[in-house]
Protein backbone atom coordinates (compact mmCIF):
# COMPACT_ATOMS: atom_id res chain seq x y z
CA MET A 1 84.93 140.34 -34.68
CA GLU A 2 83.54 138.40 -31.72
CA SER A 3 80.55 136.22 -32.57
CA ALA A 4 77.23 136.63 -30.81
CA PRO A 5 76.53 134.27 -27.89
CA ILE A 6 74.68 131.07 -28.69
CA ARG A 7 71.34 131.16 -26.87
CA ALA A 8 70.44 127.73 -25.52
CA ALA A 9 67.48 126.08 -23.79
CA GLU A 10 68.05 123.07 -21.53
CA PHE A 11 65.02 120.75 -21.30
CA PHE A 12 65.04 118.19 -18.47
CA ALA A 13 67.91 120.25 -17.10
CA GLY A 14 68.36 118.32 -13.87
CA ILE A 15 71.27 119.71 -11.87
CA GLY A 16 72.71 121.56 -14.88
CA LEU A 17 75.55 119.44 -16.20
CA VAL A 18 74.64 120.22 -19.82
CA ARG A 19 75.02 123.90 -19.01
CA THR A 20 78.30 123.18 -17.23
CA ALA A 21 79.55 121.54 -20.42
CA LEU A 22 78.26 124.15 -22.86
CA GLU A 23 79.92 126.94 -20.93
CA ARG A 24 83.26 125.19 -21.52
CA VAL A 25 82.89 125.13 -25.31
CA LYS A 26 85.79 126.98 -26.89
CA GLY A 27 85.37 129.66 -29.54
CA ALA A 28 81.92 130.99 -28.69
CA GLN A 29 79.96 131.91 -25.62
CA VAL A 30 76.97 129.68 -24.94
CA GLN A 31 74.26 131.20 -22.75
CA VAL A 32 71.57 128.99 -21.28
CA VAL A 33 68.65 131.42 -21.26
CA TRP A 34 65.94 128.92 -20.29
CA ALA A 35 65.94 125.65 -18.35
CA ASN A 36 63.27 123.33 -17.02
CA ASP A 37 62.87 120.38 -14.68
CA ILE A 38 60.03 119.03 -12.59
CA LYS A 39 62.01 118.40 -9.40
CA GLN A 40 62.59 121.17 -6.87
CA ALA A 41 65.64 119.37 -5.45
CA LYS A 42 67.35 119.51 -8.84
CA PHE A 43 66.59 123.20 -9.16
CA ASP A 44 68.11 123.75 -5.72
CA ALA A 45 71.35 122.05 -6.81
CA TYR A 46 71.33 123.98 -10.09
CA ALA A 47 70.75 127.30 -8.30
CA ALA A 48 73.62 126.61 -5.89
CA ASN A 49 75.94 126.51 -8.91
CA PHE A 50 74.29 129.07 -11.21
CA PRO A 51 73.16 132.23 -9.34
CA ASP A 52 71.04 133.36 -12.30
CA ALA A 53 68.79 130.29 -12.04
CA GLU A 54 65.88 132.29 -10.66
CA ASP A 55 65.85 134.31 -13.88
CA HIS A 56 65.41 131.43 -16.29
CA PHE A 57 64.81 128.05 -14.59
CA LEU A 58 61.18 126.93 -14.66
CA VAL A 59 60.28 124.24 -12.12
CA ARG A 60 57.27 122.74 -13.84
CA ASP A 61 55.92 119.54 -15.35
CA ILE A 62 56.88 119.77 -19.03
CA ARG A 63 53.29 118.89 -19.92
CA LYS A 64 52.35 122.29 -18.55
CA VAL A 65 55.07 124.18 -20.44
CA GLN A 66 53.98 126.19 -23.47
CA SER A 67 56.14 127.26 -26.40
CA GLN A 68 55.53 130.90 -25.48
CA ASP A 69 57.11 130.28 -22.07
CA LEU A 70 60.51 130.21 -23.77
CA PRO A 71 62.36 133.39 -24.74
CA ALA A 72 62.89 134.27 -28.39
CA GLY A 73 66.04 133.61 -30.38
CA ILE A 74 66.99 130.17 -29.03
CA GLU A 75 69.46 128.49 -31.38
CA LEU A 76 70.16 125.29 -29.46
CA ALA A 77 67.71 123.11 -27.51
CA THR A 78 69.02 120.15 -25.51
CA SER A 79 66.85 117.34 -24.18
CA SER A 80 67.99 114.53 -21.87
CA PHE A 81 64.48 113.16 -21.51
CA PRO A 82 63.81 110.34 -19.01
CA CYS A 83 65.23 106.94 -19.90
CA ILE A 84 63.34 104.70 -17.46
CA ASP A 85 60.90 103.35 -20.08
CA LEU A 86 63.69 102.80 -22.63
CA SER A 87 66.43 101.31 -20.49
CA LEU A 88 67.10 97.58 -20.63
CA ALA A 89 66.96 97.72 -16.83
CA GLY A 90 63.57 99.47 -16.91
CA ASN A 91 60.04 98.47 -17.85
CA ARG A 92 60.59 98.83 -21.64
CA ARG A 93 57.26 100.58 -22.18
CA GLY A 94 59.10 102.85 -24.59
CA LEU A 95 57.73 106.18 -25.76
CA VAL A 96 54.24 105.28 -24.55
CA GLY A 97 55.61 105.21 -21.00
CA ASN A 98 54.82 107.98 -18.56
CA GLN A 99 58.49 108.99 -18.28
CA SER A 100 60.20 108.47 -21.65
CA GLY A 101 56.98 109.57 -23.33
CA MET A 102 57.96 113.11 -22.32
CA PHE A 103 59.85 113.16 -25.63
CA TRP A 104 56.53 114.00 -27.31
CA GLU A 105 56.05 117.00 -25.03
CA PHE A 106 59.51 118.28 -25.95
CA ALA A 107 58.72 117.90 -29.66
CA LYS A 108 55.39 119.69 -29.23
CA ILE A 109 57.07 122.67 -27.58
CA VAL A 110 59.77 122.86 -30.26
CA GLU A 111 57.07 122.73 -32.94
CA GLY A 112 55.43 125.84 -31.49
CA MET A 113 58.63 127.88 -31.23
CA SER A 114 59.13 130.60 -33.82
CA PRO A 115 61.71 130.39 -35.12
CA ARG A 116 62.55 126.85 -34.09
CA PRO A 117 66.03 126.17 -32.70
CA SER A 118 68.62 125.72 -35.41
CA VAL A 119 69.93 122.64 -33.60
CA VAL A 120 68.43 120.14 -31.17
CA LEU A 121 70.55 117.68 -29.18
CA LEU A 122 68.86 114.67 -27.58
CA GLU A 123 70.54 112.18 -25.25
CA ASN A 124 69.35 108.81 -23.98
CA VAL A 125 70.38 105.21 -23.34
CA HIS A 126 71.20 102.69 -26.06
CA GLY A 127 67.92 100.94 -25.26
CA PHE A 128 66.18 103.73 -27.17
CA ALA A 129 67.47 102.16 -30.39
CA THR A 130 65.91 98.76 -29.67
CA SER A 131 62.74 99.78 -27.82
CA HIS A 132 59.74 98.10 -29.49
CA LYS A 133 62.13 96.63 -32.08
CA GLY A 134 63.29 100.07 -33.19
CA GLU A 135 59.81 101.47 -33.73
CA ASP A 136 60.14 104.04 -30.93
CA LEU A 137 63.32 105.50 -32.38
CA ALA A 138 61.80 105.51 -35.87
CA ALA A 139 58.77 107.41 -34.56
CA ALA A 140 60.95 109.96 -32.77
CA LEU A 141 63.11 110.53 -35.83
CA ALA A 142 60.00 110.93 -38.00
CA ARG A 143 58.55 113.49 -35.56
CA LEU A 144 61.71 115.57 -35.64
CA SER A 145 61.96 115.26 -39.41
CA LYS A 146 58.47 116.77 -39.70
CA LEU A 147 59.82 119.77 -37.80
CA ASN A 148 62.29 120.31 -40.65
CA TYR A 149 65.29 118.73 -38.94
CA SER A 150 67.91 116.68 -40.72
CA LEU A 151 69.05 114.01 -38.28
CA ASP A 152 72.26 112.34 -37.20
CA VAL A 153 72.62 109.51 -34.67
CA LEU A 154 75.76 108.94 -32.60
CA ALA A 155 76.91 106.71 -29.77
CA ILE A 156 79.51 107.74 -27.20
CA ASP A 157 80.67 105.90 -24.10
CA ALA A 158 81.80 108.30 -21.38
CA ARG A 159 84.72 105.97 -20.60
CA HIS A 160 86.59 107.82 -23.36
CA PHE A 161 86.68 110.83 -21.03
CA VAL A 162 86.17 109.66 -17.43
CA PRO A 163 86.71 106.29 -15.69
CA GLN A 164 83.03 105.34 -15.90
CA SER A 165 81.34 102.95 -18.31
CA ARG A 166 78.37 105.03 -19.46
CA PRO A 167 77.28 104.35 -23.07
CA ARG A 168 74.74 106.80 -24.44
CA MET A 169 73.21 107.60 -27.81
CA PHE A 170 72.69 111.08 -29.19
CA ILE A 171 70.45 112.53 -31.87
CA VAL A 172 71.55 115.77 -33.47
CA GLY A 173 68.87 117.57 -35.46
CA ILE A 174 69.81 120.51 -37.69
CA GLN A 175 67.30 122.71 -39.49
CA LYS A 176 67.74 121.86 -43.15
CA ASP A 177 68.61 125.41 -44.19
CA LYS A 178 71.39 125.42 -41.54
CA LEU A 179 73.10 122.22 -42.66
CA PRO A 180 76.81 122.88 -43.15
CA SER A 181 78.51 122.03 -46.43
CA GLN A 182 80.44 119.16 -44.84
CA ALA A 183 77.23 117.27 -43.96
CA ARG A 184 76.89 114.08 -45.98
CA HIS A 185 73.76 112.07 -46.74
CA ASP A 186 75.18 108.65 -47.56
CA VAL A 187 75.64 105.85 -45.03
CA PRO A 188 78.45 106.74 -42.61
CA LEU A 189 81.50 104.56 -42.20
CA VAL A 190 81.84 102.59 -38.98
CA THR A 191 83.76 104.66 -36.43
CA ASP A 192 83.99 104.86 -32.66
CA THR A 193 81.03 107.30 -32.61
CA ARG A 194 79.05 105.37 -35.23
CA PRO A 195 79.40 101.63 -34.48
CA PRO A 196 77.66 99.10 -36.75
CA TRP A 197 74.28 99.40 -34.99
CA VAL A 198 74.31 103.18 -35.50
CA GLN A 199 75.36 102.72 -39.12
CA ALA A 200 72.35 100.40 -39.51
CA ILE A 201 70.02 103.15 -38.22
CA HIS A 202 71.30 105.51 -40.91
CA GLU A 203 70.93 102.81 -43.55
CA LYS A 204 67.39 102.00 -42.47
CA HIS A 205 66.05 105.55 -42.42
CA ARG A 206 68.00 107.53 -44.98
CA GLN A 207 65.55 106.75 -47.80
CA THR A 208 62.46 107.89 -45.88
CA LEU A 209 63.79 110.58 -43.55
CA ASP A 210 66.26 113.43 -43.82
CA MET A 211 69.44 111.91 -42.40
CA HIS A 212 72.97 113.28 -42.45
CA HIS A 213 76.32 112.70 -40.82
CA ILE A 214 79.35 114.87 -40.19
CA GLU A 215 82.88 113.51 -39.87
CA LEU A 216 84.16 113.68 -36.32
CA PRO A 217 87.61 113.16 -34.81
CA ALA A 218 88.42 109.93 -33.01
CA LEU A 219 87.44 109.79 -29.37
CA PRO A 220 90.24 109.96 -26.79
CA THR A 221 91.35 106.81 -24.98
CA GLY A 222 90.23 107.91 -21.54
CA PRO A 223 91.58 107.09 -18.08
CA GLN A 224 91.94 103.44 -17.11
CA ASP A 225 91.67 103.75 -13.34
CA LEU A 226 90.02 105.85 -10.64
CA GLU A 227 93.12 107.80 -9.64
CA GLY A 228 92.21 111.47 -9.33
CA PHE A 229 88.51 110.67 -9.10
CA VAL A 230 88.38 109.02 -5.68
CA GLU A 231 87.88 111.31 -2.71
CA ALA A 232 91.04 110.92 -0.66
CA ASP A 233 90.07 112.50 2.65
CA VAL A 234 86.79 111.02 3.80
CA THR A 235 85.83 110.58 7.43
CA ALA A 236 86.79 107.21 8.91
CA ASN A 237 83.18 106.35 9.78
CA LEU A 238 82.29 106.11 6.08
CA TRP A 239 84.36 102.93 5.76
CA TRP A 240 82.42 99.79 6.60
CA GLY A 241 83.03 97.86 9.78
CA GLN A 242 84.68 94.43 9.81
CA ASP A 243 81.39 92.49 9.98
CA ARG A 244 80.04 94.23 6.91
CA VAL A 245 83.29 93.75 5.00
CA ASP A 246 83.29 90.06 5.89
CA ALA A 247 79.69 89.73 4.67
CA PHE A 248 80.72 91.39 1.40
CA VAL A 249 83.54 88.89 0.91
CA ARG A 250 81.35 85.90 1.78
CA SER A 251 78.83 86.90 -0.90
CA LEU A 252 81.42 86.78 -3.68
CA SER A 253 81.31 83.95 -6.19
CA ASP A 254 84.43 81.85 -6.70
CA ILE A 255 85.45 83.94 -9.72
CA GLN A 256 84.78 87.17 -7.86
CA LYS A 257 86.67 85.96 -4.79
CA ALA A 258 89.70 85.04 -6.90
CA ARG A 259 89.69 88.53 -8.38
CA PHE A 260 89.34 90.07 -4.91
CA ASP A 261 92.19 87.97 -3.47
CA ALA A 262 94.55 88.79 -6.34
CA LEU A 263 94.05 92.51 -5.81
CA LEU A 264 94.34 92.10 -2.04
CA ALA A 265 97.75 90.41 -2.40
CA ALA A 266 99.11 92.89 -4.95
CA ASP A 267 102.02 95.17 -4.08
CA ALA A 268 100.09 98.29 -5.16
CA ILE A 269 96.88 99.77 -3.82
CA SER A 270 94.05 99.73 -6.34
CA TYR A 271 90.40 100.68 -6.39
CA ARG A 272 87.46 98.76 -7.83
CA THR A 273 83.76 99.45 -7.81
CA ALA A 274 81.08 96.91 -6.95
CA TYR A 275 77.33 96.52 -7.39
CA ARG A 276 74.95 94.38 -5.39
CA ARG A 277 73.07 91.93 -7.61
CA THR A 278 70.41 89.29 -7.10
CA ARG A 279 71.53 85.92 -8.46
CA GLN A 280 69.14 82.97 -8.16
CA GLY A 281 67.23 84.84 -5.50
CA VAL A 282 70.32 85.63 -3.42
CA SER A 283 71.87 89.07 -2.93
CA VAL A 284 75.56 89.03 -3.88
CA TRP A 285 78.29 91.54 -4.60
CA GLU A 286 80.08 91.67 -7.94
CA LEU A 287 83.44 93.40 -8.38
CA ARG A 288 84.33 95.03 -11.68
CA LYS A 289 87.32 93.38 -13.32
CA ASP A 290 88.62 96.67 -14.75
CA GLY A 291 89.70 99.80 -12.93
CA ILE A 292 86.80 102.04 -13.91
CA ALA A 293 83.39 102.57 -12.37
CA GLY A 294 80.20 100.97 -13.53
CA CYS A 295 77.48 103.22 -14.88
CA LEU A 296 76.30 105.57 -12.13
CA ARG A 297 72.57 105.26 -11.60
CA THR A 298 69.81 107.12 -9.88
CA THR A 299 69.76 105.93 -6.28
CA GLY A 300 66.41 104.27 -5.77
CA GLY A 301 67.73 101.58 -3.44
CA GLY A 302 70.80 99.67 -2.30
CA SER A 303 71.19 97.75 -5.55
CA SER A 304 71.52 100.99 -7.51
CA LYS A 305 74.29 102.38 -5.31
CA GLN A 306 77.90 101.66 -6.15
CA ALA A 307 80.47 100.66 -3.54
CA LEU A 308 84.16 101.53 -3.64
CA VAL A 309 86.61 98.75 -2.77
CA ARG A 310 90.25 99.55 -1.88
CA LEU A 311 92.61 96.59 -2.02
CA GLY A 312 96.34 95.91 -1.91
CA ARG A 313 99.30 95.04 0.32
CA GLY A 314 97.08 92.72 2.33
CA SER A 315 94.69 95.52 3.25
CA LYS A 316 91.00 95.77 2.34
CA ALA A 317 88.48 98.57 2.87
CA ILE A 318 84.98 99.13 1.48
CA ARG A 319 82.46 101.98 1.56
CA TRP A 320 79.74 103.56 -0.49
CA MET A 321 80.87 106.05 -3.11
CA THR A 322 80.41 109.68 -2.09
CA PRO A 323 78.54 112.48 -3.88
CA ARG A 324 81.89 114.13 -4.66
CA GLU A 325 83.08 110.96 -6.35
CA TYR A 326 79.86 110.81 -8.36
CA ALA A 327 80.43 114.43 -9.38
CA ASN A 328 84.03 113.69 -10.40
CA LEU A 329 82.97 110.66 -12.45
CA MET A 330 80.43 112.85 -14.26
CA GLY A 331 83.20 115.29 -15.20
CA ALA A 332 82.02 117.88 -12.68
CA HIS A 333 85.03 118.18 -10.37
CA ASP A 334 84.21 121.82 -9.55
CA TYR A 335 80.48 121.34 -9.01
CA LYS A 336 79.40 122.76 -5.64
CA LEU A 337 77.63 120.26 -3.39
CA LEU A 338 75.71 122.84 -1.40
CA ALA A 339 72.10 121.72 -1.78
CA GLY A 340 70.16 118.59 -0.96
CA THR A 341 70.85 115.45 1.02
CA PRO A 342 73.65 113.06 0.00
CA ASN A 343 71.07 110.73 -1.59
CA GLN A 344 69.54 113.63 -3.55
CA GLN A 345 73.02 114.53 -4.75
CA LEU A 346 73.73 110.95 -5.82
CA PHE A 347 70.38 110.85 -7.61
CA GLY A 348 71.09 114.14 -9.41
CA PHE A 349 74.41 112.94 -10.79
CA GLY A 350 73.15 109.46 -11.64
CA ASP A 351 70.40 111.08 -13.70
CA ALA A 352 72.70 113.48 -15.55
CA VAL A 353 75.02 113.59 -18.56
CA VAL A 354 78.81 113.47 -18.44
CA VAL A 355 80.16 116.98 -18.83
CA ASP A 356 83.16 115.99 -20.96
CA VAL A 357 80.97 114.21 -23.53
CA ILE A 358 78.74 117.24 -24.10
CA GLU A 359 81.76 119.53 -24.17
CA TRP A 360 83.35 117.33 -26.85
CA LEU A 361 80.16 117.38 -28.91
CA GLY A 362 79.96 121.13 -28.44
CA ASN A 363 83.48 121.72 -29.71
CA ASN A 364 83.44 119.19 -32.55
CA TYR A 365 79.84 119.24 -33.75
CA LEU A 366 77.58 121.97 -32.37
CA LEU A 367 79.94 124.92 -32.61
CA PRO A 368 81.03 124.24 -36.23
CA VAL A 369 77.33 124.22 -37.18
CA LEU A 370 76.16 127.20 -35.14
CA ARG A 371 79.28 129.37 -35.40
CA PRO A 372 81.38 128.02 -38.28
CA THR A 373 83.74 131.01 -38.29
CA SER A 374 84.43 130.67 -34.54
CA ALA A 375 85.25 127.00 -34.92
CA GLU A 376 87.89 127.52 -37.60
């Protein structure tokens, strides 16, 4: 007998990569029946990929969303709330910040839902764990615990699935009467999804809050280079001119220049990504030493954009990464780039979650909880 679809709500939906991932989960159909974001440009990208967006996507400030705006029967609520106040690269205002403080609005809406979702999945940067010396995370966990959720904390770097270094932490909340039999309440062992700092969070809070953990399979190794993720056929005018390439090379430190020259002289063509940094008041370029991309960011300026460097056989070429390459590195190879400007597209992907990570969590964690018979 086929199981009923899992009805899901996607808070801070952005361009819809959580939905993209959930629709790939094997063993049960996941239907996103409600989504929300404040930005019209993100809705436009979402609608270009999901024709039913007009039926369920609410473009509205979450502070103006009411619990009754959501349809009944939602089992899963996902929330990739803004990270700017939690990120180590941000202002570190934490959950009192205007952006990351939207967590409280999400919790308020969930509190008013009847019944509440069986499972909530939250995603944010690792800085959430250290913001205000851990007090922000403790407050968020306590708020969810008051809503009758037992809580698990995980950490996953997207480099296990795509060639992009993108470490993120996840909170999985399960209504206590929905906890599966395999859920344990002791301190989890150190694994690739629960490194020592995550283990310490469980240890710290398990006596005062409802905490659990579920055994998960080991994460895959992941690709080690950008092959298959770089856009092969781009127009020639996207590649930088000689003067700009020369300026790039001149900005490199001695260590960076040695790395650049070694790749330039190699017999094989290879790709590296580079970020522009400010060092001692001077703008310089830094080349990654490995073959994967740095963490894609929202494009608020030149320093947040990532350049692609092609080197080998005495040949060098440099350009900005394209929206299609951003999509590929977010696990969204088939995502249609039909809406928005290139910068809006880069922003949308830099602000999103990696599809493969959510799909893996869906198959190995969410589905066994929400549809245990389908997951067998």
